[in-house]
Amino acid sequence: MAIKKVLIVDDSATDTHLMSEMLKKNGYAVVNAASGEEGIAKAKQERPDLILMDIVMPGMSGFEATRAITKDPETSSIPVIVCSTKGQETDKAWGLRQGAKDYIVKPVVEKVLMEKIRTL
């Protein structure tokens, strides 16, 4: 599946901006959500080809949002890559158990992000 539209779910305006710029520069369309709840709604509404999910957000965590998206038949086909400052192996393992396809530790490196997207 060719990835054209990416949904970034992150409450940090700085991280959202940096990832958006990386993606746009590489030819992707970008949609943003600032919370887990908004991310779930945008996933259903926008039908992105990929979701980049932060973990630590007010309200619903990225782990909860990832689980909701990957378990819902309406959105389960959309791959999720977790992008978080939480870099422990237990965090990575838990993220993958929630249904994420991959896990990137912030700060996000453009080369690493593009490689992960290409290998999906």
N, C-alpha and C. Protein backbone atom coordinates (compact mmCIF):
# COMPACT_ATOMS: atom_id res chain seq x y z
N MET A 1 0.85 -1.20 0.00
CA MET A 1 0.00 0.00 0.00
C MET A 1 0.88 1.24 0.00
N ALA A 2 0.64 2.12 -0.93
CA ALA A 2 1.40 3.37 -1.00
C ALA A 2 0.88 4.34 0.06
N ILE A 3 1.79 4.91 0.80
CA ILE A 3 1.40 5.86 1.85
C ILE A 3 1.46 7.27 1.28
N LYS A 4 0.32 7.95 1.32
CA LYS A 4 0.22 9.31 0.81
C LYS A 4 -0.17 10.30 1.90
N LYS A 5 -1.12 9.89 2.77
CA LYS A 5 -1.62 10.79 3.81
C LYS A 5 -1.25 10.23 5.19
N VAL A 6 -0.65 11.10 6.02
CA VAL A 6 -0.20 10.70 7.35
C VAL A 6 -0.91 11.55 8.41
N LEU A 7 -1.45 10.88 9.43
CA LEU A 7 -2.06 11.55 10.57
C LEU A 7 -1.05 11.58 11.71
N ILE A 8 -0.73 12.77 12.19
CA ILE A 8 0.16 12.93 13.35
C ILE A 8 -0.71 13.21 14.57
N VAL A 9 -0.62 12.35 15.57
CA VAL A 9 -1.36 12.54 16.82
C VAL A 9 -0.34 12.88 17.90
N ASP A 10 -0.28 14.16 18.28
CA ASP A 10 0.73 14.62 19.24
C ASP A 10 0.25 15.93 19.85
N ASP A 11 0.38 16.05 21.17
CA ASP A 11 -0.06 17.28 21.84
C ASP A 11 1.02 18.36 21.83
N SER A 12 2.22 18.04 21.35
CA SER A 12 3.30 19.02 21.29
C SER A 12 3.29 19.71 19.93
N ALA A 13 3.03 21.01 19.94
CA ALA A 13 3.00 21.78 18.69
C ALA A 13 4.36 21.74 18.00
N THR A 14 5.44 21.75 18.78
CA THR A 14 6.79 21.71 18.23
C THR A 14 7.05 20.39 17.51
N ASP A 15 6.76 19.27 18.19
CA ASP A 15 6.97 17.95 17.57
C ASP A 15 6.08 17.77 16.34
N THR A 16 4.83 18.23 16.43
CA THR A 16 3.92 18.13 15.30
C THR A 16 4.47 18.90 14.11
N HIS A 17 4.96 20.12 14.37
CA HIS A 17 5.51 20.96 13.30
C HIS A 17 6.73 20.28 12.65
N LEU A 18 7.65 19.79 13.48
CA LEU A 18 8.87 19.17 12.96
C LEU A 18 8.55 17.95 12.09
N MET A 19 7.66 17.07 12.59
CA MET A 19 7.30 15.88 11.82
C MET A 19 6.53 16.25 10.55
N SER A 20 5.64 17.25 10.66
CA SER A 20 4.89 17.71 9.48
C SER A 20 5.83 18.17 8.39
N GLU A 21 6.83 18.97 8.76
CA GLU A 21 7.78 19.50 7.78
C GLU A 21 8.56 18.37 7.11
N MET A 22 9.02 17.39 7.91
CA MET A 22 9.74 16.23 7.36
C MET A 22 8.88 15.50 6.34
N LEU A 23 7.63 15.25 6.72
CA LEU A 23 6.71 14.50 5.85
C LEU A 23 6.38 15.27 4.58
N LYS A 24 6.05 16.55 4.73
CA LYS A 24 5.68 17.37 3.55
C LYS A 24 6.85 17.46 2.58
N LYS A 25 8.06 17.63 3.11
CA LYS A 25 9.26 17.72 2.28
C LYS A 25 9.45 16.44 1.46
N ASN A 26 8.97 15.31 2.00
CA ASN A 26 9.10 14.02 1.32
C ASN A 26 7.84 13.64 0.55
N GLY A 27 6.94 14.61 0.37
CA GLY A 27 5.80 14.40 -0.51
C GLY A 27 4.53 13.84 0.10
N TYR A 28 4.46 13.81 1.42
CA TYR A 28 3.26 13.28 2.09
C TYR A 28 2.29 14.41 2.44
N ALA A 29 0.99 14.10 2.38
CA ALA A 29 -0.04 15.01 2.90
C ALA A 29 -0.14 14.75 4.40
N VAL A 30 -0.36 15.80 5.18
CA VAL A 30 -0.35 15.65 6.64
C VAL A 30 -1.64 16.18 7.26
N VAL A 31 -2.18 15.40 8.22
CA VAL A 31 -3.33 15.80 9.02
C VAL A 31 -2.87 15.71 10.47
N ASN A 32 -3.33 16.65 11.31
CA ASN A 32 -2.89 16.67 12.71
C ASN A 32 -4.05 16.48 13.68
N ALA A 33 -3.73 15.87 14.83
CA ALA A 33 -4.66 15.76 15.94
C ALA A 33 -3.85 15.99 17.22
N ALA A 34 -4.43 16.69 18.19
CA ALA A 34 -3.68 17.06 19.40
C ALA A 34 -3.99 16.18 20.61
N SER A 35 -4.82 15.13 20.43
CA SER A 35 -5.14 14.25 21.56
C SER A 35 -5.48 12.85 21.02
N GLY A 36 -5.47 11.88 21.91
CA GLY A 36 -5.84 10.52 21.51
C GLY A 36 -7.26 10.45 20.99
N GLU A 37 -8.16 11.13 21.68
CA GLU A 37 -9.57 11.13 21.27
C GLU A 37 -9.74 11.74 19.88
N GLU A 38 -9.06 12.89 19.66
CA GLU A 38 -9.14 13.55 18.36
C GLU A 38 -8.49 12.67 17.28
N GLY A 39 -7.42 11.97 17.66
CA GLY A 39 -6.74 11.08 16.72
C GLY A 39 -7.65 9.97 16.22
N ILE A 40 -8.42 9.38 17.13
CA ILE A 40 -9.36 8.32 16.76
C ILE A 40 -10.41 8.87 15.80
N ALA A 41 -10.96 10.05 16.13
CA ALA A 41 -11.99 10.67 15.29
C ALA A 41 -11.42 11.00 13.90
N LYS A 42 -10.20 11.57 13.86
CA LYS A 42 -9.59 11.94 12.57
C LYS A 42 -9.24 10.69 11.76
N ALA A 43 -8.87 9.60 12.43
CA ALA A 43 -8.56 8.36 11.72
C ALA A 43 -9.79 7.88 10.96
N LYS A 44 -10.95 7.98 11.60
CA LYS A 44 -12.21 7.55 10.96
C LYS A 44 -12.64 8.53 9.86
N GLN A 45 -12.46 9.81 10.13
CA GLN A 45 -12.92 10.86 9.22
C GLN A 45 -11.99 11.02 8.01
N GLU A 46 -10.68 11.03 8.23
CA GLU A 46 -9.71 11.35 7.18
C GLU A 46 -9.18 10.12 6.43
N ARG A 47 -9.29 8.93 7.05
CA ARG A 47 -8.76 7.70 6.45
C ARG A 47 -7.30 7.83 6.01
N PRO A 48 -6.40 8.17 6.96
CA PRO A 48 -4.99 8.31 6.57
C PRO A 48 -4.40 6.93 6.21
N ASP A 49 -3.25 6.95 5.54
CA ASP A 49 -2.56 5.71 5.18
C ASP A 49 -1.61 5.27 6.29
N LEU A 50 -1.32 6.18 7.23
CA LEU A 50 -0.41 5.91 8.34
C LEU A 50 -0.73 6.87 9.48
N ILE A 51 -0.52 6.41 10.71
CA ILE A 51 -0.68 7.27 11.89
C ILE A 51 0.62 7.27 12.67
N LEU A 52 1.12 8.48 12.99
CA LEU A 52 2.26 8.63 13.90
C LEU A 52 1.68 9.05 15.24
N MET A 53 1.89 8.23 16.27
CA MET A 53 1.20 8.39 17.56
C MET A 53 2.17 8.68 18.70
N ASP A 54 1.95 9.82 19.37
CA ASP A 54 2.67 10.13 20.60
C ASP A 54 2.04 9.29 21.72
N ILE A 55 2.74 9.11 22.82
CA ILE A 55 2.20 8.34 23.94
C ILE A 55 1.67 9.23 25.04
N VAL A 56 2.51 10.17 25.50
CA VAL A 56 2.15 10.98 26.66
C VAL A 56 1.34 12.19 26.20
N MET A 57 0.03 12.11 26.42
CA MET A 57 -0.88 13.21 26.06
C MET A 57 -1.93 13.33 27.16
N PRO A 58 -2.50 14.53 27.33
CA PRO A 58 -3.57 14.67 28.33
C PRO A 58 -4.79 13.84 27.92
N GLY A 59 -5.51 13.33 28.89
CA GLY A 59 -6.69 12.50 28.58
C GLY A 59 -6.24 11.12 28.18
N MET A 60 -6.69 10.67 27.02
CA MET A 60 -6.37 9.34 26.53
C MET A 60 -4.90 9.27 26.08
N SER A 61 -4.19 8.25 26.56
CA SER A 61 -2.78 8.10 26.15
C SER A 61 -2.70 7.54 24.73
N GLY A 62 -1.52 7.65 24.15
CA GLY A 62 -1.30 7.10 22.82
C GLY A 62 -1.43 5.59 22.79
N PHE A 63 -1.09 4.93 23.91
CA PHE A 63 -1.27 3.47 23.99
C PHE A 63 -2.75 3.13 23.85
N GLU A 64 -3.59 3.87 24.60
CA GLU A 64 -5.05 3.62 24.54
C GLU A 64 -5.61 3.92 23.15
N ALA A 65 -5.17 5.04 22.56
CA ALA A 65 -5.66 5.42 21.24
C ALA A 65 -5.21 4.41 20.18
N THR A 66 -3.97 3.94 20.29
CA THR A 66 -3.46 2.93 19.34
C THR A 66 -4.29 1.66 19.44
N ARG A 67 -4.56 1.24 20.66
CA ARG A 67 -5.37 0.02 20.87
C ARG A 67 -6.76 0.21 20.26
N ALA A 68 -7.37 1.37 20.49
CA ALA A 68 -8.72 1.64 19.96
C ALA A 68 -8.72 1.63 18.43
N ILE A 69 -7.71 2.23 17.82
CA ILE A 69 -7.63 2.32 16.36
C ILE A 69 -7.37 0.94 15.74
N THR A 70 -6.45 0.18 16.34
CA THR A 70 -6.09 -1.11 15.74
C THR A 70 -7.12 -2.20 16.01
N LYS A 71 -8.00 -1.99 16.99
CA LYS A 71 -9.04 -2.99 17.28
C LYS A 71 -10.36 -2.69 16.58
N ASP A 72 -10.53 -1.45 16.11
CA ASP A 72 -11.78 -1.05 15.45
C ASP A 72 -11.74 -1.49 13.99
N PRO A 73 -12.72 -2.30 13.54
CA PRO A 73 -12.72 -2.76 12.15
C PRO A 73 -12.67 -1.62 11.13
N GLU A 74 -13.19 -0.46 11.53
CA GLU A 74 -13.23 0.71 10.64
C GLU A 74 -11.83 1.28 10.37
N THR A 75 -10.92 1.12 11.36
CA THR A 75 -9.59 1.74 11.25
C THR A 75 -8.44 0.73 11.42
N SER A 76 -8.75 -0.54 11.61
CA SER A 76 -7.71 -1.53 11.93
C SER A 76 -6.68 -1.73 10.83
N SER A 77 -7.00 -1.36 9.60
CA SER A 77 -6.04 -1.55 8.50
C SER A 77 -5.01 -0.42 8.43
N ILE A 78 -5.19 0.64 9.22
CA ILE A 78 -4.25 1.78 9.19
C ILE A 78 -3.07 1.47 10.12
N PRO A 79 -1.84 1.40 9.55
CA PRO A 79 -0.69 1.14 10.43
C PRO A 79 -0.39 2.33 11.34
N VAL A 80 0.06 2.01 12.57
CA VAL A 80 0.42 3.03 13.56
C VAL A 80 1.90 2.87 13.89
N ILE A 81 2.63 3.99 13.85
CA ILE A 81 4.00 4.01 14.34
C ILE A 81 4.00 4.93 15.56
N VAL A 82 4.45 4.40 16.69
CA VAL A 82 4.53 5.22 17.90
C VAL A 82 5.78 6.08 17.80
N CYS A 83 5.65 7.38 18.11
CA CYS A 83 6.77 8.33 18.17
C CYS A 83 6.72 8.95 19.55
N SER A 84 7.63 8.53 20.43
CA SER A 84 7.53 8.96 21.82
C SER A 84 8.90 9.21 22.44
N THR A 85 8.91 10.02 23.49
CA THR A 85 10.13 10.22 24.28
C THR A 85 10.35 9.02 25.20
N LYS A 86 9.31 8.20 25.39
CA LYS A 86 9.43 7.02 26.25
C LYS A 86 10.21 5.95 25.50
N GLY A 87 11.50 5.81 25.85
CA GLY A 87 12.38 4.96 25.08
C GLY A 87 12.77 3.63 25.72
N GLN A 88 12.15 3.29 26.84
CA GLN A 88 12.47 2.02 27.49
C GLN A 88 11.99 0.84 26.64
N GLU A 89 12.68 -0.29 26.75
CA GLU A 89 12.26 -1.49 26.00
C GLU A 89 10.84 -1.90 26.38
N THR A 90 10.47 -1.71 27.66
CA THR A 90 9.11 -2.08 28.08
C THR A 90 8.07 -1.21 27.40
N ASP A 91 8.39 0.08 27.19
CA ASP A 91 7.47 0.98 26.47
C ASP A 91 7.31 0.53 25.03
N LYS A 92 8.43 0.18 24.39
CA LYS A 92 8.39 -0.28 23.00
C LYS A 92 7.55 -1.56 22.90
N ALA A 93 7.82 -2.50 23.79
CA ALA A 93 7.09 -3.77 23.76
C ALA A 93 5.60 -3.53 23.97
N TRP A 94 5.26 -2.66 24.91
CA TRP A 94 3.85 -2.38 25.20
C TRP A 94 3.18 -1.71 23.99
N GLY A 95 3.88 -0.76 23.36
CA GLY A 95 3.36 -0.10 22.17
C GLY A 95 3.05 -1.10 21.06
N LEU A 96 3.96 -2.04 20.84
CA LEU A 96 3.74 -3.05 19.80
C LEU A 96 2.60 -3.99 20.19
N ARG A 97 2.46 -4.27 21.48
CA ARG A 97 1.35 -5.13 21.93
C ARG A 97 -0.01 -4.45 21.76
N GLN A 98 -0.02 -3.12 21.71
CA GLN A 98 -1.28 -2.39 21.51
C GLN A 98 -1.68 -2.38 20.04
N GLY A 99 -0.79 -2.86 19.17
CA GLY A 99 -1.11 -2.93 17.74
C GLY A 99 -0.23 -2.07 16.85
N ALA A 100 0.70 -1.30 17.45
CA ALA A 100 1.59 -0.46 16.63
C ALA A 100 2.49 -1.35 15.77
N LYS A 101 2.81 -0.88 14.58
CA LYS A 101 3.68 -1.63 13.66
C LYS A 101 5.16 -1.36 13.95
N ASP A 102 5.44 -0.18 14.54
CA ASP A 102 6.82 0.18 14.83
C ASP A 102 6.86 1.23 15.93
N TYR A 103 8.08 1.58 16.37
CA TYR A 103 8.25 2.48 17.51
C TYR A 103 9.49 3.31 17.26
N ILE A 104 9.35 4.63 17.28
CA ILE A 104 10.48 5.54 17.10
C ILE A 104 10.60 6.38 18.37
N VAL A 105 11.84 6.53 18.87
CA VAL A 105 12.07 7.37 20.05
C VAL A 105 12.40 8.78 19.58
N LYS A 106 11.74 9.77 20.21
CA LYS A 106 12.01 11.18 19.90
C LYS A 106 13.35 11.59 20.51
N PRO A 107 14.04 12.56 19.94
CA PRO A 107 13.63 13.34 18.78
C PRO A 107 13.66 12.49 17.50
N VAL A 108 12.65 12.69 16.66
CA VAL A 108 12.52 11.92 15.43
C VAL A 108 13.58 12.38 14.43
N VAL A 109 14.31 11.41 13.88
CA VAL A 109 15.32 11.68 12.85
C VAL A 109 14.66 11.41 11.50
N GLU A 110 14.72 12.39 10.61
CA GLU A 110 14.04 12.29 9.32
C GLU A 110 14.39 11.01 8.56
N LYS A 111 15.68 10.69 8.49
CA LYS A 111 16.12 9.50 7.75
C LYS A 111 15.48 8.23 8.34
N VAL A 112 15.45 8.14 9.66
CA VAL A 112 14.86 6.97 10.34
C VAL A 112 13.36 6.89 10.06
N LEU A 113 12.66 8.03 10.18
CA LEU A 113 11.22 8.06 9.94
C LEU A 113 10.90 7.63 8.50
N MET A 114 11.60 8.18 7.53
CA MET A 114 11.32 7.85 6.12
C MET A 114 11.60 6.37 5.84
N GLU A 115 12.65 5.83 6.46
CA GLU A 115 12.97 4.42 6.28
C GLU A 115 11.87 3.52 6.86
N LYS A 116 11.37 3.88 8.04
CA LYS A 116 10.30 3.10 8.68
C LYS A 116 9.05 3.14 7.82
N ILE A 117 8.72 4.31 7.25
CA ILE A 117 7.54 4.44 6.40
C ILE A 117 7.70 3.58 5.15
N ARG A 118 8.88 3.63 4.54
CA ARG A 118 9.12 2.85 3.33
C ARG A 118 9.02 1.34 3.56
N THR A 119 9.39 0.89 4.75
CA THR A 119 9.37 -0.56 5.00
C THR A 119 8.00 -1.10 5.42
N LEU A 120 7.01 -0.23 5.58
CA LEU A 120 5.67 -0.71 5.97
C LEU A 120 5.02 -1.51 4.86
